[in-house]
């Protein structure tokens, strides 16, 4: 929802998708990551090497959708 709103506000979903790609290339977990503030980050502060393979049930409790899914949805907005 936030990504879609950002794309509508900026009218540049490709820029947001590109920014997410750059941010997602950083695989260092934050030392001060905290579940109480995780929702405030652009992407999940809890980096996980298995991020792309989490199960459906685990996804229910995540603060952020997978970055790949967010990028895919933003790029789908470009073709509309």
PDB file of N, CA and C in Angstrom:
ATOM      1  N   UNK A   1       0.817  -1.184   0.000  1.00  0.00           N
ATOM      2  CA  UNK A   1       0.000   0.000   0.000  1.00  0.00           C
ATOM      3  C   UNK A   1       0.870   1.260   0.000  1.00  0.00           C
ATOM      4  N   UNK A   2       1.906   1.274   0.820  1.00  0.00           N
ATOM      5  CA  UNK A   2       2.783   2.446   0.872  1.00  0.00           C
ATOM      6  C   UNK A   2       3.515   2.638  -0.452  1.00  0.00           C
ATOM      7  N   UNK A   3       3.940   1.541  -1.080  1.00  0.00           N
ATOM      8  CA  UNK A   3       4.642   1.655  -2.357  1.00  0.00           C
ATOM      9  C   UNK A   3       3.712   2.211  -3.430  1.00  0.00           C
ATOM     10  N   UNK A   4       2.477   1.742  -3.466  1.00  0.00           N
ATOM     11  CA  UNK A   4       1.512   2.231  -4.451  1.00  0.00           C
ATOM     12  C   UNK A   4       1.224   3.712  -4.227  1.00  0.00           C
ATOM     13  N   UNK A   5       1.071   4.105  -2.981  1.00  0.00           N
ATOM     14  CA  UNK A   5       0.831   5.517  -2.669  1.00  0.00           C
ATOM     15  C   UNK A   5       2.030   6.368  -3.065  1.00  0.00           C
ATOM     16  N   UNK A   6       3.223   5.870  -2.803  1.00  0.00           N
ATOM     17  CA  UNK A   6       4.434   6.587  -3.191  1.00  0.00           C
ATOM     18  C   UNK A   6       4.550   6.734  -4.697  1.00  0.00           C
ATOM     19  N   UNK A   7       4.188   5.683  -5.421  1.00  0.00           N
ATOM     20  CA  UNK A   7       4.237   5.730  -6.879  1.00  0.00           C
ATOM     21  C   UNK A   7       3.220   6.727  -7.428  1.00  0.00           C
ATOM     22  N   UNK A   8       2.040   6.774  -6.825  1.00  0.00           N
ATOM     23  CA  UNK A   8       1.032   7.743  -7.261  1.00  0.00           C
ATOM     24  C   UNK A   8       1.467   9.170  -6.933  1.00  0.00           C
ATOM     25  N   UNK A   9       2.061   9.354  -5.787  1.00  0.00           N
ATOM     26  CA  UNK A   9       2.502  10.683  -5.363  1.00  0.00           C
ATOM     27  C   UNK A   9       3.641  11.202  -6.242  1.00  0.00           C
ATOM     28  N   UNK A  10       4.624  10.359  -6.507  1.00  0.00           N
ATOM     29  CA  UNK A  10       5.790  10.784  -7.290  1.00  0.00           C
ATOM     30  C   UNK A  10       5.565  10.660  -8.791  1.00  0.00           C
ATOM     31  N   UNK A  11       4.604   9.842  -9.180  1.00  0.00           N
ATOM     32  CA  UNK A  11       4.334   9.534 -10.589  1.00  0.00           C
ATOM     33  C   UNK A  11       5.559   8.916 -11.264  1.00  0.00           C
ATOM     34  N   UNK A  12       6.353   8.218 -10.452  1.00  0.00           N
ATOM     35  CA  UNK A  12       7.581   7.613 -10.974  1.00  0.00           C
ATOM     36  C   UNK A  12       7.837   6.270 -10.296  1.00  0.00           C
ATOM     37  N   UNK A  13       6.996   5.250 -10.596  1.00  0.00           N
ATOM     38  CA  UNK A  13       7.171   3.947  -9.949  1.00  0.00           C
ATOM     39  C   UNK A  13       8.505   3.283 -10.274  1.00  0.00           C
ATOM     40  N   UNK A  14       9.075   3.560 -11.456  1.00  0.00           N
ATOM     41  CA  UNK A  14      10.369   2.963 -11.800  1.00  0.00           C
ATOM     42  C   UNK A  14      11.464   3.471 -10.872  1.00  0.00           C
ATOM     43  N   UNK A  15      11.399   4.723 -10.493  1.00  0.00           N
ATOM     44  CA  UNK A  15      12.378   5.273  -9.559  1.00  0.00           C
ATOM     45  C   UNK A  15      12.302   4.601  -8.202  1.00  0.00           C
ATOM     46  N   UNK A  16      11.086   4.343  -7.739  1.00  0.00           N
ATOM     47  CA  UNK A  16      10.911   3.657  -6.460  1.00  0.00           C
ATOM     48  C   UNK A  16      11.395   2.213  -6.547  1.00  0.00           C
ATOM     49  N   UNK A  17      11.097   1.553  -7.663  1.00  0.00           N
ATOM     50  CA  UNK A  17      11.557   0.170  -7.852  1.00  0.00           C
ATOM     51  C   UNK A  17      13.083   0.118  -7.881  1.00  0.00           C
ATOM     52  N   UNK A  18      13.697   1.068  -8.568  1.00  0.00           N
ATOM     53  CA  UNK A  18      15.157   1.125  -8.640  1.00  0.00           C
ATOM     54  C   UNK A  18      15.767   1.372  -7.259  1.00  0.00           C
ATOM     55  N   UNK A  19      15.156   2.252  -6.487  1.00  0.00           N
ATOM     56  CA  UNK A  19      15.649   2.524  -5.130  1.00  0.00           C
ATOM     57  C   UNK A  19      15.547   1.276  -4.259  1.00  0.00           C
ATOM     58  N   UNK A  20      14.441   0.544  -4.370  1.00  0.00           N
ATOM     59  CA  UNK A  20      14.289  -0.689  -3.598  1.00  0.00           C
ATOM     60  C   UNK A  20      15.352  -1.714  -3.978  1.00  0.00           C
ATOM     61  N   UNK A  21      15.671  -1.800  -5.281  1.00  0.00           N
ATOM     62  CA  UNK A  21      16.715  -2.729  -5.715  1.00  0.00           C
ATOM     63  C   UNK A  21      18.056  -2.371  -5.084  1.00  0.00           C
ATOM     64  N   UNK A  22      18.381  -1.092  -5.071  1.00  0.00           N
ATOM     65  CA  UNK A  22      19.657  -0.656  -4.488  1.00  0.00           C
ATOM     66  C   UNK A  22      19.693  -0.924  -2.991  1.00  0.00           C
ATOM     67  N   UNK A  23      18.603  -0.620  -2.308  1.00  0.00           N
ATOM     68  CA  UNK A  23      18.540  -0.840  -0.863  1.00  0.00           C
ATOM     69  C   UNK A  23      18.661  -2.326  -0.544  1.00  0.00           C
ATOM     70  N   UNK A  24      18.039  -3.170  -1.361  1.00  0.00           N
ATOM     71  CA  UNK A  24      18.031  -4.609  -1.083  1.00  0.00           C
ATOM     72  C   UNK A  24      19.388  -5.265  -1.306  1.00  0.00           C
ATOM     73  N   UNK A  25      20.298  -4.585  -1.995  1.00  0.00           N
ATOM     74  CA  UNK A  25      21.636  -5.150  -2.223  1.00  0.00           C
ATOM     75  C   UNK A  25      22.497  -5.121  -0.969  1.00  0.00           C
ATOM     76  N   UNK A  26      22.087  -4.353   0.025  1.00  0.00           N
ATOM     77  CA  UNK A  26      22.821  -4.297   1.293  1.00  0.00           C
ATOM     78  C   UNK A  26      22.366  -5.474   2.148  1.00  0.00           C
ATOM     79  N   UNK A  27      23.250  -6.433   2.359  1.00  0.00           N
ATOM     80  CA  UNK A  27      22.879  -7.644   3.089  1.00  0.00           C
ATOM     81  C   UNK A  27      23.345  -7.654   4.540  1.00  0.00           C
ATOM     82  N   UNK A  28      23.827  -6.526   5.018  1.00  0.00           N
ATOM     83  CA  UNK A  28      24.268  -6.429   6.414  1.00  0.00           C
ATOM     84  C   UNK A  28      23.065  -6.159   7.317  1.00  0.00           C
ATOM     85  N   UNK A  29      22.830  -6.997   8.300  1.00  0.00           N
ATOM     86  CA  UNK A  29      21.729  -6.720   9.238  1.00  0.00           C
ATOM     87  C   UNK A  29      22.080  -5.528  10.126  1.00  0.00           C
ATOM     88  N   UNK A  30      21.073  -4.791  10.519  1.00  0.00           N
ATOM     89  CA  UNK A  30      21.297  -3.674  11.438  1.00  0.00           C
ATOM     90  C   UNK A  30      21.591  -4.210  12.826  1.00  0.00           C
ATOM     91  N   UNK A  31      22.575  -3.652  13.465  1.00  0.00           N
ATOM     92  CA  UNK A  31      22.919  -4.099  14.815  1.00  0.00           C
ATOM     93  C   UNK A  31      21.865  -3.684  15.832  1.00  0.00           C
ATOM     94  N   UNK A  32      21.160  -2.612  15.550  1.00  0.00           N
ATOM     95  CA  UNK A  32      20.173  -2.105  16.504  1.00  0.00           C
ATOM     96  C   UNK A  32      18.737  -2.418  16.071  1.00  0.00           C
ATOM     97  N   UNK A  33      18.564  -3.371  15.160  1.00  0.00           N
ATOM     98  CA  UNK A  33      17.224  -3.725  14.695  1.00  0.00           C
ATOM     99  C   UNK A  33      16.357  -4.148  15.874  1.00  0.00           C
ATOM    100  N   UNK A  34      15.125  -3.682  15.849  1.00  0.00           N
ATOM    101  CA  UNK A  34      14.218  -3.896  16.957  1.00  0.00           C
ATOM    102  C   UNK A  34      12.825  -4.166  16.394  1.00  0.00           C
ATOM    103  N   UNK A  35      12.153  -5.196  16.866  1.00  0.00           N
ATOM    104  CA  UNK A  35      10.820  -5.523  16.359  1.00  0.00           C
ATOM    105  C   UNK A  35       9.821  -4.392  16.593  1.00  0.00           C
ATOM    106  N   UNK A  36      10.028  -3.601  17.622  1.00  0.00           N
ATOM    107  CA  UNK A  36       9.110  -2.503  17.929  1.00  0.00           C
ATOM    108  C   UNK A  36       9.184  -1.383  16.896  1.00  0.00           C
ATOM    109  N   UNK A  37      10.318  -1.246  16.219  1.00  0.00           N
ATOM    110  CA  UNK A  37      10.468  -0.174  15.234  1.00  0.00           C
ATOM    111  C   UNK A  37      10.654  -0.697  13.811  1.00  0.00           C
ATOM    112  N   UNK A  38      10.562  -1.988  13.595  1.00  0.00           N
ATOM    113  CA  UNK A  38      10.813  -2.581  12.278  1.00  0.00           C
ATOM    114  C   UNK A  38       9.886  -2.028  11.202  1.00  0.00           C
ATOM    115  N   UNK A  39       8.665  -1.682  11.558  1.00  0.00           N
ATOM    116  CA  UNK A  39       7.703  -1.180  10.577  1.00  0.00           C
ATOM    117  C   UNK A  39       8.075   0.205  10.044  1.00  0.00           C
ATOM    118  N   UNK A  40       9.002   0.886  10.672  1.00  0.00           N
ATOM    119  CA  UNK A  40       9.403   2.225  10.251  1.00  0.00           C
ATOM    120  C   UNK A  40      10.458   2.224   9.144  1.00  0.00           C
ATOM    121  N   UNK A  41      11.035   1.082   8.843  1.00  0.00           N
ATOM    122  CA  UNK A  41      12.093   0.989   7.841  1.00  0.00           C
ATOM    123  C   UNK A  41      11.514   0.807   6.443  1.00  0.00           C
ATOM    124  N   UNK A  42      12.313   1.155   5.421  1.00  0.00           N
ATOM    125  CA  UNK A  42      11.891   0.982   4.034  1.00  0.00           C
ATOM    126  C   UNK A  42      11.800  -0.493   3.686  1.00  0.00           C
ATOM    127  N   UNK A  43      12.736  -1.277   4.175  1.00  0.00           N
ATOM    128  CA  UNK A  43      12.677  -2.728   4.038  1.00  0.00           C
ATOM    129  C   UNK A  43      12.952  -3.324   5.411  1.00  0.00           C
ATOM    130  N   UNK A  44      12.671  -4.571   5.563  1.00  0.00           N
ATOM    131  CA  UNK A  44      12.840  -5.201   6.866  1.00  0.00           C
ATOM    132  C   UNK A  44      14.279  -5.055   7.362  1.00  0.00           C
ATOM    133  N   UNK A  45      14.472  -4.567   8.582  1.00  0.00           N
ATOM    134  CA  UNK A  45      15.828  -4.433   9.110  1.00  0.00           C
ATOM    135  C   UNK A  45      16.450  -5.770   9.499  1.00  0.00           C
ATOM    136  N   UNK A  46      15.668  -6.827   9.459  1.00  0.00           N
ATOM    137  CA  UNK A  46      16.156  -8.157   9.810  1.00  0.00           C
ATOM    138  C   UNK A  46      16.521  -8.889   8.529  1.00  0.00           C
ATOM    139  N   UNK A  47      17.745  -8.693   8.056  1.00  0.00           N
ATOM    140  CA  UNK A  47      18.203  -9.329   6.818  1.00  0.00           C
ATOM    141  C   UNK A  47      18.340 -10.820   7.051  1.00  0.00           C
ATOM    142  N   UNK A  48      17.895 -11.574   6.063  1.00  0.00           N
ATOM    143  CA  UNK A  48      17.937 -13.028   6.182  1.00  0.00           C
ATOM    144  C   UNK A  48      18.390 -13.599   4.851  1.00  0.00           C
ATOM    145  N   UNK A  49      19.372 -14.478   4.885  1.00  0.00           N
ATOM    146  CA  UNK A  49      19.856 -15.062   3.632  1.00  0.00           C
ATOM    147  C   UNK A  49      18.790 -15.919   2.965  1.00  0.00           C
ATOM    148  N   UNK A  50      17.772 -16.361   3.694  1.00  0.00           N
ATOM    149  CA  UNK A  50      16.687 -17.159   3.123  1.00  0.00           C
ATOM    150  C   UNK A  50      15.444 -16.315   2.874  1.00  0.00           C
ATOM    151  N   UNK A  51      15.610 -15.010   2.721  1.00  0.00           N
ATOM    152  CA  UNK A  51      14.471 -14.112   2.619  1.00  0.00           C
ATOM    153  C   UNK A  51      13.503 -14.486   1.506  1.00  0.00           C
ATOM    154  N   UNK A  52      14.012 -14.926   0.379  1.00  0.00           N
ATOM    155  CA  UNK A  52      13.148 -15.239  -0.742  1.00  0.00           C
ATOM    156  C   UNK A  52      12.376 -16.534  -0.590  1.00  0.00           C
ATOM    157  N   UNK A  53      12.637 -17.304   0.443  1.00  0.00           N
ATOM    158  CA  UNK A  53      12.010 -18.612   0.556  1.00  0.00           C
ATOM    159  C   UNK A  53      11.181 -18.778   1.825  1.00  0.00           C
ATOM    160  N   UNK A  54      10.722 -17.689   2.413  1.00  0.00           N
ATOM    161  CA  UNK A  54       9.924 -17.838   3.624  1.00  0.00           C
ATOM    162  C   UNK A  54       8.553 -18.403   3.276  1.00  0.00           C
ATOM    163  N   UNK A  55       7.980 -19.109   4.194  1.00  0.00           N
ATOM    164  CA  UNK A  55       6.692 -19.733   3.966  1.00  0.00           C
ATOM    165  C   UNK A  55       5.527 -18.764   4.106  1.00  0.00           C
ATOM    166  N   UNK A  56       4.366 -19.203   3.692  1.00  0.00           N
ATOM    167  CA  UNK A  56       3.159 -18.383   3.734  1.00  0.00           C
ATOM    168  C   UNK A  56       2.839 -17.950   5.157  1.00  0.00           C
ATOM    169  N   UNK A  57       2.914 -18.879   6.079  1.00  0.00           N
ATOM    170  CA  UNK A  57       2.581 -18.580   7.476  1.00  0.00           C
ATOM    171  C   UNK A  57       3.549 -17.561   8.072  1.00  0.00           C
ATOM    172  N   UNK A  58       4.831 -17.707   7.780  1.00  0.00           N
ATOM    173  CA  UNK A  58       5.824 -16.759   8.296  1.00  0.00           C
ATOM    174  C   UNK A  58       5.581 -15.362   7.731  1.00  0.00           C
ATOM    175  N   UNK A  59       5.100 -15.295   6.502  1.00  0.00           N
ATOM    176  CA  UNK A  59       4.824 -14.009   5.869  1.00  0.00           C
ATOM    177  C   UNK A  59       3.727 -13.219   6.553  1.00  0.00           C
ATOM    178  N   UNK A  60       2.849 -13.903   7.255  1.00  0.00           N
ATOM    179  CA  UNK A  60       1.763 -13.210   7.953  1.00  0.00           C
ATOM    180  C   UNK A  60       2.272 -12.313   9.068  1.00  0.00           C
ATOM    181  N   UNK A  61       3.414 -12.645   9.625  1.00  0.00           N
ATOM    182  CA  UNK A  61       3.926 -11.909  10.771  1.00  0.00           C
ATOM    183  C   UNK A  61       5.070 -10.959  10.416  1.00  0.00           C
ATOM    184  N   UNK A  62       5.382 -10.843   9.152  1.00  0.00           N
ATOM    185  CA  UNK A  62       6.454  -9.953   8.719  1.00  0.00           C
ATOM    186  C   UNK A  62       5.959  -8.509   8.668  1.00  0.00           C
ATOM    187  N   UNK A  63       6.862  -7.571   8.902  1.00  0.00           N
ATOM    188  CA  UNK A  63       6.503  -6.154   8.839  1.00  0.00           C
ATOM    189  C   UNK A  63       6.531  -5.620   7.416  1.00  0.00           C
ATOM    190  N   UNK A  64       7.241  -6.287   6.512  1.00  0.00           N
ATOM    191  CA  UNK A  64       7.375  -5.837   5.133  1.00  0.00           C
ATOM    192  C   UNK A  64       7.190  -7.016   4.178  1.00  0.00           C
ATOM    193  N   UNK A  65       6.544  -6.778   3.023  1.00  0.00           N
ATOM    194  CA  UNK A  65       6.511  -7.821   1.989  1.00  0.00           C
ATOM    195  C   UNK A  65       7.923  -8.023   1.436  1.00  0.00           C
ATOM    196  N   UNK A  66       8.135  -9.121   0.745  1.00  0.00           N
ATOM    197  CA  UNK A  66       9.437  -9.360   0.117  1.00  0.00           C
ATOM    198  C   UNK A  66       9.748  -8.231  -0.864  1.00  0.00           C
ATOM    199  N   UNK A  67      10.989  -7.793  -0.883  1.00  0.00           N
ATOM    200  CA  UNK A  67      11.395  -6.690  -1.755  1.00  0.00           C
ATOM    201  C   UNK A  67      11.137  -7.043  -3.218  1.00  0.00           C
ATOM    202  N   UNK A  68      11.396  -8.296  -3.595  1.00  0.00           N
ATOM    203  CA  UNK A  68      11.171  -8.713  -4.983  1.00  0.00           C
ATOM    204  C   UNK A  68       9.700  -8.540  -5.374  1.00  0.00           C
ATOM    205  N   UNK A  69       8.798  -8.848  -4.454  1.00  0.00           N
ATOM    206  CA  UNK A  69       7.366  -8.683  -4.729  1.00  0.00           C
ATOM    207  C   UNK A  69       7.004  -7.210  -4.858  1.00  0.00           C
ATOM    208  N   UNK A  70       7.580  -6.387  -4.014  1.00  0.00           N
ATOM    209  CA  UNK A  70       7.316  -4.952  -4.067  1.00  0.00           C
ATOM    210  C   UNK A  70       7.796  -4.368  -5.393  1.00  0.00           C
ATOM    211  N   UNK A  71       8.978  -4.780  -5.838  1.00  0.00           N
ATOM    212  CA  UNK A  71       9.520  -4.294  -7.106  1.00  0.00           C
ATOM    213  C   UNK A  71       8.640  -4.749  -8.259  1.00  0.00           C
ATOM    214  N   UNK A  72       8.220  -6.009  -8.226  1.00  0.00           N
ATOM    215  CA  UNK A  72       7.366  -6.548  -9.288  1.00  0.00           C
ATOM    216  C   UNK A  72       6.058  -5.762  -9.396  1.00  0.00           C
ATOM    217  N   UNK A  73       5.457  -5.435  -8.266  1.00  0.00           N
ATOM    218  CA  UNK A  73       4.196  -4.680  -8.274  1.00  0.00           C
ATOM    219  C   UNK A  73       4.401  -3.251  -8.770  1.00  0.00           C
ATOM    220  N   UNK A  74       5.511  -2.630  -8.385  1.00  0.00           N
ATOM    221  CA  UNK A  74       5.792  -1.279  -8.877  1.00  0.00           C
ATOM    222  C   UNK A  74       6.008  -1.289 -10.386  1.00  0.00           C
ATOM    223  N   UNK A  75       6.724  -2.284 -10.881  1.00  0.00           N
ATOM    224  CA  UNK A  75       6.973  -2.356 -12.327  1.00  0.00           C
ATOM    225  C   UNK A  75       5.683  -2.668 -13.090  1.00  0.00           C
ATOM    226  N   UNK A  76       4.763  -3.381 -12.459  1.00  0.00           N
ATOM    227  CA  UNK A  76       3.467  -3.643 -13.095  1.00  0.00           C
ATOM    228  C   UNK A  76       2.675  -2.346 -13.240  1.00  0.00           C
ATOM    229  N   UNK A  77       2.881  -1.412 -12.333  1.00  0.00           N
ATOM    230  CA  UNK A  77       2.198  -0.118 -12.418  1.00  0.00           C
ATOM    231  C   UNK A  77       2.680   0.678 -13.629  1.00  0.00           C
ATOM    232  N   UNK A  78       3.911   0.457 -14.052  1.00  0.00           N
ATOM    233  CA  UNK A  78       4.478   1.183 -15.194  1.00  0.00           C
ATOM    234  C   UNK A  78       3.747   0.810 -16.472  1.00  0.00           C
ATOM    235  N   UNK A  79       3.413  -0.455 -16.617  1.00  0.00           N
ATOM    236  CA  UNK A  79       2.799  -0.939 -17.856  1.00  0.00           C
ATOM    237  C   UNK A  79       1.315  -0.611 -17.959  1.00  0.00           C
ATOM    238  N   UNK A  80       0.744  -0.042 -16.902  1.00  0.00           N
ATOM    239  CA  UNK A  80      -0.695   0.296 -16.947  1.00  0.00           C
ATOM    240  C   UNK A  80      -0.921   1.640 -17.570  1.00  0.00           C
TER     241      UNK A  80
END
